[in-house]
N, C-alpha and C. Protein backbone atom coordinates (compact mmCIF):
# COMPACT_ATOMS: atom_id res chain seq x y z
N MET A 1 -80.63 -146.44 -22.89
CA MET A 1 -80.58 -147.42 -21.83
C MET A 1 -81.89 -148.17 -21.67
N THR A 2 -82.53 -148.47 -22.75
CA THR A 2 -83.80 -149.18 -22.68
C THR A 2 -83.61 -150.68 -22.49
N ASN A 3 -82.43 -151.18 -22.77
CA ASN A 3 -82.18 -152.62 -22.66
C ASN A 3 -81.40 -152.94 -21.39
N LEU A 4 -81.91 -152.51 -20.27
CA LEU A 4 -81.24 -152.79 -19.01
C LEU A 4 -81.52 -154.22 -18.58
N ILE A 5 -80.54 -154.82 -17.96
CA ILE A 5 -80.68 -156.16 -17.39
C ILE A 5 -80.74 -155.99 -15.88
N TYR A 6 -81.76 -156.55 -15.27
CA TYR A 6 -81.94 -156.43 -13.83
C TYR A 6 -81.41 -157.68 -13.14
N THR A 7 -80.50 -157.50 -12.20
CA THR A 7 -79.98 -158.63 -11.44
C THR A 7 -81.07 -159.13 -10.49
N ARG A 8 -80.88 -160.33 -10.00
CA ARG A 8 -81.82 -160.88 -9.02
C ARG A 8 -81.85 -159.98 -7.77
N HIS A 9 -80.68 -159.51 -7.37
CA HIS A 9 -80.59 -158.61 -6.22
C HIS A 9 -81.42 -157.34 -6.46
N ALA A 10 -81.26 -156.74 -7.65
CA ALA A 10 -81.99 -155.51 -7.97
C ALA A 10 -83.50 -155.77 -7.96
N LYS A 11 -83.92 -156.87 -8.56
CA LYS A 11 -85.36 -157.19 -8.59
C LYS A 11 -85.92 -157.33 -7.18
N THR A 12 -85.18 -158.04 -6.32
CA THR A 12 -85.63 -158.24 -4.94
C THR A 12 -85.72 -156.92 -4.20
N ARG A 13 -84.65 -156.12 -4.28
CA ARG A 13 -84.62 -154.83 -3.56
C ARG A 13 -85.66 -153.86 -4.10
N MET A 14 -85.85 -153.83 -5.41
CA MET A 14 -86.86 -152.94 -5.98
C MET A 14 -88.24 -153.32 -5.47
N GLN A 15 -88.52 -154.61 -5.41
CA GLN A 15 -89.82 -155.07 -4.92
C GLN A 15 -89.99 -154.69 -3.46
N GLN A 16 -88.96 -154.87 -2.66
CA GLN A 16 -89.03 -154.53 -1.24
C GLN A 16 -89.22 -153.03 -1.02
N ARG A 17 -88.68 -152.23 -1.92
CA ARG A 17 -88.67 -150.77 -1.74
C ARG A 17 -89.74 -150.05 -2.55
N GLY A 18 -90.59 -150.81 -3.23
CA GLY A 18 -91.70 -150.21 -3.96
C GLY A 18 -91.29 -149.46 -5.21
N ILE A 19 -90.20 -149.89 -5.82
CA ILE A 19 -89.73 -149.28 -7.07
C ILE A 19 -90.05 -150.24 -8.21
N ARG A 20 -90.79 -149.75 -9.20
CA ARG A 20 -91.19 -150.58 -10.34
C ARG A 20 -90.17 -150.47 -11.46
N LYS A 21 -90.15 -151.49 -12.33
CA LYS A 21 -89.27 -151.43 -13.50
C LYS A 21 -89.57 -150.19 -14.34
N ALA A 22 -90.84 -149.82 -14.44
CA ALA A 22 -91.22 -148.65 -15.23
C ALA A 22 -90.71 -147.35 -14.62
N ASP A 23 -90.34 -147.37 -13.34
CA ASP A 23 -89.81 -146.17 -12.67
C ASP A 23 -88.37 -145.88 -13.08
N ILE A 24 -87.62 -146.91 -13.40
CA ILE A 24 -86.19 -146.75 -13.68
C ILE A 24 -85.93 -145.84 -14.88
N PRO A 25 -86.59 -146.03 -16.03
CA PRO A 25 -86.34 -145.11 -17.15
C PRO A 25 -86.71 -143.66 -16.83
N ILE A 26 -87.71 -143.47 -15.96
CA ILE A 26 -88.09 -142.10 -15.57
C ILE A 26 -86.97 -141.47 -14.74
N ILE A 27 -86.43 -142.23 -13.81
CA ILE A 27 -85.33 -141.71 -13.00
C ILE A 27 -84.13 -141.40 -13.88
N LEU A 28 -83.83 -142.28 -14.84
CA LEU A 28 -82.69 -142.06 -15.73
C LEU A 28 -82.90 -140.82 -16.60
N ALA A 29 -84.13 -140.61 -17.07
CA ALA A 29 -84.42 -139.49 -17.96
C ALA A 29 -84.54 -138.16 -17.23
N CYS A 30 -85.09 -138.19 -16.03
CA CYS A 30 -85.43 -136.94 -15.34
C CYS A 30 -84.53 -136.62 -14.15
N GLY A 31 -83.86 -137.61 -13.64
CA GLY A 31 -83.02 -137.40 -12.47
C GLY A 31 -81.67 -136.79 -12.84
N THR A 32 -80.86 -136.60 -11.81
CA THR A 32 -79.52 -136.04 -11.98
C THR A 32 -78.50 -137.16 -11.98
N GLN A 33 -77.63 -137.16 -12.98
CA GLN A 33 -76.55 -138.15 -13.01
C GLN A 33 -75.44 -137.64 -12.10
N VAL A 34 -75.16 -138.39 -11.03
CA VAL A 34 -74.17 -137.93 -10.05
C VAL A 34 -72.79 -138.53 -10.28
N ASP A 35 -72.71 -139.62 -11.00
CA ASP A 35 -71.43 -140.15 -11.49
C ASP A 35 -71.72 -141.08 -12.65
N ASP A 36 -70.72 -141.79 -13.13
CA ASP A 36 -70.89 -142.62 -14.32
C ASP A 36 -71.98 -143.68 -14.18
N GLU A 37 -72.23 -144.15 -12.96
CA GLU A 37 -73.14 -145.27 -12.76
C GLU A 37 -74.36 -144.96 -11.90
N THR A 38 -74.50 -143.72 -11.45
CA THR A 38 -75.53 -143.41 -10.46
C THR A 38 -76.40 -142.24 -10.90
N TYR A 39 -77.70 -142.43 -10.76
CA TYR A 39 -78.69 -141.38 -11.05
C TYR A 39 -79.52 -141.17 -9.79
N PHE A 40 -79.87 -139.91 -9.53
CA PHE A 40 -80.62 -139.56 -8.33
C PHE A 40 -81.76 -138.64 -8.70
N MET A 41 -82.98 -139.01 -8.30
CA MET A 41 -84.15 -138.17 -8.54
C MET A 41 -84.39 -137.34 -7.28
N SER A 42 -83.94 -136.10 -7.33
CA SER A 42 -84.10 -135.22 -6.17
C SER A 42 -85.50 -134.62 -6.16
N ASN A 43 -85.86 -134.00 -5.04
CA ASN A 43 -87.13 -133.29 -4.97
C ASN A 43 -87.18 -132.20 -6.02
N ARG A 44 -86.06 -131.53 -6.25
CA ARG A 44 -86.00 -130.47 -7.25
C ARG A 44 -86.25 -131.03 -8.65
N ASP A 45 -85.63 -132.18 -8.95
CA ASP A 45 -85.86 -132.83 -10.25
C ASP A 45 -87.33 -133.19 -10.42
N ALA A 46 -87.91 -133.78 -9.39
CA ALA A 46 -89.32 -134.20 -9.46
C ALA A 46 -90.23 -132.99 -9.64
N THR A 47 -89.98 -131.92 -8.88
CA THR A 47 -90.80 -130.70 -8.99
C THR A 47 -90.71 -130.11 -10.38
N ARG A 48 -89.49 -130.06 -10.93
CA ARG A 48 -89.29 -129.52 -12.28
C ARG A 48 -90.08 -130.33 -13.30
N GLU A 49 -90.01 -131.64 -13.22
CA GLU A 49 -90.71 -132.50 -14.17
C GLU A 49 -92.22 -132.42 -14.00
N ILE A 50 -92.68 -132.30 -12.77
CA ILE A 50 -94.13 -132.15 -12.53
C ILE A 50 -94.63 -130.87 -13.16
N GLU A 51 -93.89 -129.77 -12.99
CA GLU A 51 -94.29 -128.49 -13.59
C GLU A 51 -94.30 -128.58 -15.12
N THR A 52 -93.30 -129.27 -15.68
CA THR A 52 -93.27 -129.46 -17.13
C THR A 52 -94.50 -130.22 -17.60
N ARG A 53 -94.84 -131.29 -16.90
CA ARG A 53 -96.00 -132.10 -17.27
C ARG A 53 -97.29 -131.30 -17.13
N LYS A 54 -97.38 -130.46 -16.09
CA LYS A 54 -98.57 -129.62 -15.91
C LYS A 54 -98.75 -128.69 -17.10
N ARG A 55 -97.64 -128.09 -17.56
CA ARG A 55 -97.72 -127.21 -18.73
C ARG A 55 -98.13 -128.00 -19.97
N GLU A 56 -97.60 -129.22 -20.12
CA GLU A 56 -97.97 -130.06 -21.25
C GLU A 56 -99.46 -130.40 -21.20
N ILE A 57 -99.98 -130.70 -20.01
CA ILE A 57 -101.40 -131.01 -19.87
C ILE A 57 -102.25 -129.80 -20.21
N GLN A 58 -101.84 -128.62 -19.75
CA GLN A 58 -102.57 -127.40 -20.08
C GLN A 58 -102.58 -127.16 -21.59
N THR A 59 -101.45 -127.38 -22.22
CA THR A 59 -101.36 -127.21 -23.67
C THR A 59 -102.27 -128.20 -24.39
N LEU A 60 -102.23 -129.46 -23.96
CA LEU A 60 -103.10 -130.47 -24.58
C LEU A 60 -104.57 -130.11 -24.42
N SER A 61 -104.94 -129.62 -23.25
CA SER A 61 -106.33 -129.21 -23.03
C SER A 61 -106.71 -128.07 -23.96
N ARG A 62 -105.81 -127.12 -24.12
CA ARG A 62 -106.07 -125.97 -24.99
C ARG A 62 -106.19 -126.39 -26.45
N LEU A 63 -105.46 -127.42 -26.85
CA LEU A 63 -105.43 -127.84 -28.25
C LEU A 63 -106.49 -128.88 -28.62
N ALA A 64 -107.29 -129.29 -27.65
CA ALA A 64 -108.34 -130.26 -27.94
C ALA A 64 -109.29 -129.70 -29.00
N ASN A 65 -109.67 -130.55 -29.93
CA ASN A 65 -110.60 -130.20 -31.02
C ASN A 65 -110.03 -129.14 -31.97
N ARG A 66 -108.73 -129.14 -32.16
CA ARG A 66 -108.10 -128.26 -33.15
C ARG A 66 -107.68 -129.13 -34.32
N LYS A 67 -107.67 -128.54 -35.50
CA LYS A 67 -107.32 -129.27 -36.71
C LYS A 67 -106.22 -128.53 -37.45
N VAL A 68 -105.25 -129.27 -37.97
CA VAL A 68 -104.16 -128.71 -38.77
C VAL A 68 -104.15 -129.44 -40.11
N VAL A 69 -104.08 -128.69 -41.20
CA VAL A 69 -104.02 -129.27 -42.53
C VAL A 69 -102.61 -129.05 -43.07
N ILE A 70 -101.95 -130.15 -43.45
CA ILE A 70 -100.58 -130.09 -43.97
C ILE A 70 -100.57 -130.73 -45.35
N ARG A 71 -99.96 -130.06 -46.29
CA ARG A 71 -99.84 -130.59 -47.65
C ARG A 71 -98.41 -130.35 -48.13
N ASN A 72 -97.77 -131.40 -48.59
CA ASN A 72 -96.40 -131.32 -49.11
C ASN A 72 -95.45 -130.67 -48.11
N GLY A 73 -95.61 -131.03 -46.83
CA GLY A 73 -94.72 -130.52 -45.81
C GLY A 73 -94.96 -129.07 -45.41
N ARG A 74 -96.06 -128.49 -45.87
CA ARG A 74 -96.38 -127.09 -45.56
C ARG A 74 -97.69 -127.03 -44.79
N VAL A 75 -97.72 -126.21 -43.75
CA VAL A 75 -98.96 -126.01 -43.00
C VAL A 75 -99.85 -125.10 -43.83
N ILE A 76 -101.00 -125.62 -44.23
CA ILE A 76 -101.95 -124.87 -45.05
C ILE A 76 -102.85 -124.02 -44.16
N THR A 77 -103.39 -124.63 -43.09
CA THR A 77 -104.27 -123.90 -42.18
C THR A 77 -104.36 -124.64 -40.87
N ALA A 78 -104.84 -123.95 -39.84
CA ALA A 78 -105.10 -124.54 -38.53
C ALA A 78 -106.30 -123.81 -37.94
N TYR A 79 -107.22 -124.59 -37.33
CA TYR A 79 -108.43 -123.95 -36.81
C TYR A 79 -109.13 -124.83 -35.79
N PRO A 80 -110.01 -124.22 -34.96
CA PRO A 80 -110.85 -125.02 -34.07
C PRO A 80 -111.87 -125.78 -34.91
N SER A 81 -112.07 -127.03 -34.56
CA SER A 81 -112.96 -127.90 -35.34
C SER A 81 -114.30 -128.05 -34.63
N ASN A 82 -115.38 -127.79 -35.34
CA ASN A 82 -116.72 -127.96 -34.75
C ASN A 82 -117.11 -129.44 -34.81
N PRO A 83 -118.14 -129.84 -34.06
CA PRO A 83 -118.51 -131.27 -34.01
C PRO A 83 -118.80 -131.90 -35.38
N ALA A 84 -119.45 -131.17 -36.26
CA ALA A 84 -119.75 -131.73 -37.59
C ALA A 84 -118.45 -131.96 -38.37
N ASP A 85 -117.52 -131.02 -38.28
CA ASP A 85 -116.24 -131.16 -38.97
C ASP A 85 -115.44 -132.32 -38.39
N GLN A 86 -115.47 -132.48 -37.07
CA GLN A 86 -114.76 -133.58 -36.42
C GLN A 86 -115.28 -134.92 -36.92
N LYS A 87 -116.59 -135.03 -36.97
CA LYS A 87 -117.21 -136.28 -37.42
C LYS A 87 -116.82 -136.59 -38.86
N ARG A 88 -116.88 -135.58 -39.72
CA ARG A 88 -116.53 -135.73 -41.13
C ARG A 88 -115.05 -136.11 -41.27
N THR A 89 -114.20 -135.43 -40.52
CA THR A 89 -112.76 -135.69 -40.58
C THR A 89 -112.44 -137.12 -40.15
N LEU A 90 -113.02 -137.55 -39.04
CA LEU A 90 -112.76 -138.91 -38.55
C LEU A 90 -113.32 -139.96 -39.50
N ARG A 91 -114.47 -139.69 -40.09
CA ARG A 91 -115.05 -140.64 -41.06
C ARG A 91 -114.12 -140.79 -42.26
N ARG A 92 -113.59 -139.68 -42.77
CA ARG A 92 -112.66 -139.75 -43.92
C ARG A 92 -111.39 -140.51 -43.54
N GLY A 93 -110.90 -140.27 -42.33
CA GLY A 93 -109.71 -140.98 -41.87
C GLY A 93 -109.94 -142.48 -41.79
N ARG A 94 -111.12 -142.87 -41.32
CA ARG A 94 -111.45 -144.31 -41.25
C ARG A 94 -111.54 -144.91 -42.64
N GLN A 95 -112.15 -144.18 -43.57
CA GLN A 95 -112.28 -144.68 -44.94
C GLN A 95 -110.92 -144.88 -45.59
N LYS A 96 -109.96 -144.03 -45.23
CA LYS A 96 -108.61 -144.16 -45.78
C LYS A 96 -107.75 -145.13 -44.97
N GLY A 97 -108.31 -145.66 -43.89
CA GLY A 97 -107.58 -146.61 -43.06
C GLY A 97 -106.58 -145.96 -42.14
N LEU A 98 -106.70 -144.66 -41.91
CA LEU A 98 -105.76 -143.95 -41.06
C LEU A 98 -106.22 -143.86 -39.61
N VAL A 99 -107.52 -144.00 -39.39
CA VAL A 99 -108.11 -143.90 -38.05
C VAL A 99 -108.82 -145.21 -37.75
N LYS A 100 -108.65 -145.70 -36.54
CA LYS A 100 -109.32 -146.95 -36.13
C LYS A 100 -110.70 -146.67 -35.61
């Protein structure tokens, strides 16, 4: 449902009610579908999604500065990367045009 068309009525009401266009896909993805045409973001839905995002943030924080080497679809190794290794890795990526 990424290609939604917003009626003039919907645009006006959303503006009056502080609902942004970017909010609609979130409600559709995370809310509860109550019938064929209606989605509702309950407090329970919001709490569940917030907890999920918190876990994702914790995981991302834990994985910062980690490196994974993959060759031919196989994980060869994974390890914490020290500053010198990070610099070398990023430099090689730039030389190959993979990193901006």
